[in-house]
Amino acid sequence: MDDDKDTAYTFDLYLKSLGFSTKSFVNPIEALNYFNKNLTECALIITDYAMPQMSDFDLIKKIREKDQNYDRKIILISATIKDNFTINYYNKFMELKVDKFLEKPIPLDKLK
């Protein structure tokens, strides 16, 4: 999930080239609707930090409401992690069990 079409497309192509089945979105509401209908098909969620329509925190919180056992891994990506992450904000994400934080630009091999 990335509101930038090029980034979402690049991640999608790269992960498919590694043999993963992927579904990419540029709209967090569409991504959440898909997740809610296809929970068992989702093993990993990669989402951008800053998105229109819904905040990253709200998206992850709604995912965790359905995924209460934390079976799905979540990677949060952003070009501004160092600038925007306060300790308080970081702790909120840790409570939601975000598995990894990656800063853009991301070398594709970091997604392995």
Protein backbone atom coordinates (compact mmCIF):
# COMPACT_ATOMS: atom_id res chain seq x y z
CA MET A 1 0.00 0.00 0.00
CA ASP A 2 1.56 3.21 -1.18
CA ASP A 3 -0.27 6.26 -2.45
CA ASP A 4 2.51 6.71 -5.01
CA LYS A 5 1.56 4.52 -7.99
CA ASP A 6 5.14 4.08 -9.15
CA THR A 7 6.32 2.87 -5.75
CA ALA A 8 3.40 0.47 -5.36
CA TYR A 9 3.98 -0.88 -8.89
CA THR A 10 7.73 -1.30 -8.32
CA PHE A 11 7.26 -3.21 -5.05
CA ASP A 12 4.57 -5.34 -6.68
CA LEU A 13 6.76 -6.29 -9.66
CA TYR A 14 9.80 -6.98 -7.51
CA LEU A 15 7.98 -9.20 -5.02
CA LYS A 16 6.26 -11.11 -7.84
CA SER A 17 9.68 -11.69 -9.45
CA LEU A 18 10.70 -13.40 -6.19
CA GLY A 19 7.70 -15.71 -6.41
CA PHE A 20 5.33 -13.94 -4.04
CA SER A 21 1.65 -13.51 -4.76
CA THR A 22 0.90 -9.82 -4.31
CA LYS A 23 -1.94 -7.35 -4.36
CA SER A 24 -1.06 -3.66 -4.41
CA PHE A 25 -3.14 -0.60 -3.63
CA VAL A 26 -2.78 3.17 -3.85
CA ASN A 27 -5.83 3.81 -1.67
CA PRO A 28 -5.76 2.68 1.99
CA ILE A 29 -9.53 2.27 2.17
CA GLU A 30 -9.49 -0.14 -0.77
CA ALA A 31 -6.56 -1.98 0.82
CA LEU A 32 -8.43 -2.32 4.11
CA ASN A 33 -11.57 -3.56 2.35
CA TYR A 34 -9.51 -6.19 0.54
CA PHE A 35 -7.78 -7.22 3.76
CA ASN A 36 -11.09 -7.58 5.60
CA LYS A 37 -12.48 -9.85 2.87
CA ASN A 38 -9.27 -11.85 2.32
CA LEU A 39 -7.64 -12.04 5.74
CA THR A 40 -6.28 -15.56 5.34
CA GLU A 41 -4.60 -14.68 2.03
CA CYS A 42 -2.57 -11.84 3.55
CA ALA A 43 0.72 -12.72 5.23
CA LEU A 44 2.54 -9.40 4.87
CA ILE A 45 1.35 -5.82 4.66
CA ILE A 46 3.73 -3.13 3.43
CA THR A 47 2.29 0.33 3.94
CA ASP A 48 3.40 3.89 3.52
CA TYR A 49 3.62 6.22 6.51
CA ALA A 50 1.89 9.27 5.01
CA MET A 51 -1.23 8.65 2.96
CA PRO A 52 -4.36 10.55 2.00
CA GLN A 53 -7.82 9.17 2.91
CA MET A 54 -6.64 7.43 6.12
CA SER A 55 -3.67 7.78 8.42
CA ASP A 56 -1.08 5.04 8.60
CA PHE A 57 -1.82 4.58 12.29
CA ASP A 58 -5.57 4.17 11.66
CA LEU A 59 -4.94 1.68 8.85
CA ILE A 60 -2.64 -0.47 10.98
CA LYS A 61 -5.00 -0.25 13.96
CA LYS A 62 -7.91 -1.49 11.81
CA ILE A 63 -5.78 -4.31 10.44
CA ARG A 64 -4.83 -5.38 13.97
CA GLU A 65 -8.50 -5.34 15.03
CA LYS A 66 -8.99 -8.24 12.58
CA ASP A 67 -5.54 -9.76 13.10
CA GLN A 68 -5.58 -9.99 16.88
CA ASN A 69 -3.02 -12.81 17.00
CA TYR A 70 -0.53 -10.71 15.00
CA ASP A 71 -0.22 -13.42 12.35
CA ARG A 72 0.35 -10.85 9.60
CA LYS A 73 3.68 -9.05 9.39
CA ILE A 74 3.56 -5.28 8.84
CA ILE A 75 6.34 -3.18 7.35
CA LEU A 76 5.98 0.59 7.54
CA ILE A 77 7.84 2.64 4.92
CA SER A 78 8.42 6.36 4.74
CA ALA A 79 10.70 9.01 3.31
CA THR A 80 10.36 10.93 6.57
CA ILE A 81 10.72 8.37 9.36
CA LYS A 82 13.69 10.11 10.97
CA ASP A 83 12.00 13.52 10.78
CA ASN A 84 8.52 12.57 11.98
CA PHE A 85 8.92 9.74 14.45
CA THR A 86 8.73 10.94 18.00
CA ILE A 87 9.18 8.40 20.78
CA ASN A 88 5.48 8.63 21.55
CA TYR A 89 4.51 7.91 17.95
CA TYR A 90 7.03 5.08 17.72
CA ASN A 91 5.59 3.52 20.89
CA LYS A 92 2.08 3.59 19.41
CA PHE A 93 3.32 1.59 16.43
CA MET A 94 5.15 -0.84 18.71
CA GLU A 95 1.88 -1.45 20.58
CA LEU A 96 0.32 -2.39 17.23
CA LYS A 97 3.22 -4.78 16.58
CA VAL A 98 4.67 -3.14 13.47
CA ASP A 99 7.43 -5.55 12.51
CA LYS A 100 9.80 -3.29 10.62
CA PHE A 101 10.36 0.33 9.65
CA LEU A 102 12.12 1.15 6.36
CA GLU A 103 13.10 4.57 5.11
CA LYS A 104 12.68 5.54 1.44
CA PRO A 105 14.38 5.23 -0.90
CA ILE A 106 14.43 1.53 -0.22
CA PRO A 107 16.86 -0.78 -1.98
CA LEU A 108 14.58 -3.55 -3.27
CA ASP A 109 16.66 -6.28 -1.68
CA LYS A 110 15.57 -4.91 1.75
CA LEU A 111 12.10 -6.34 0.97
CA LYS A 112 13.41 -9.93 0.91
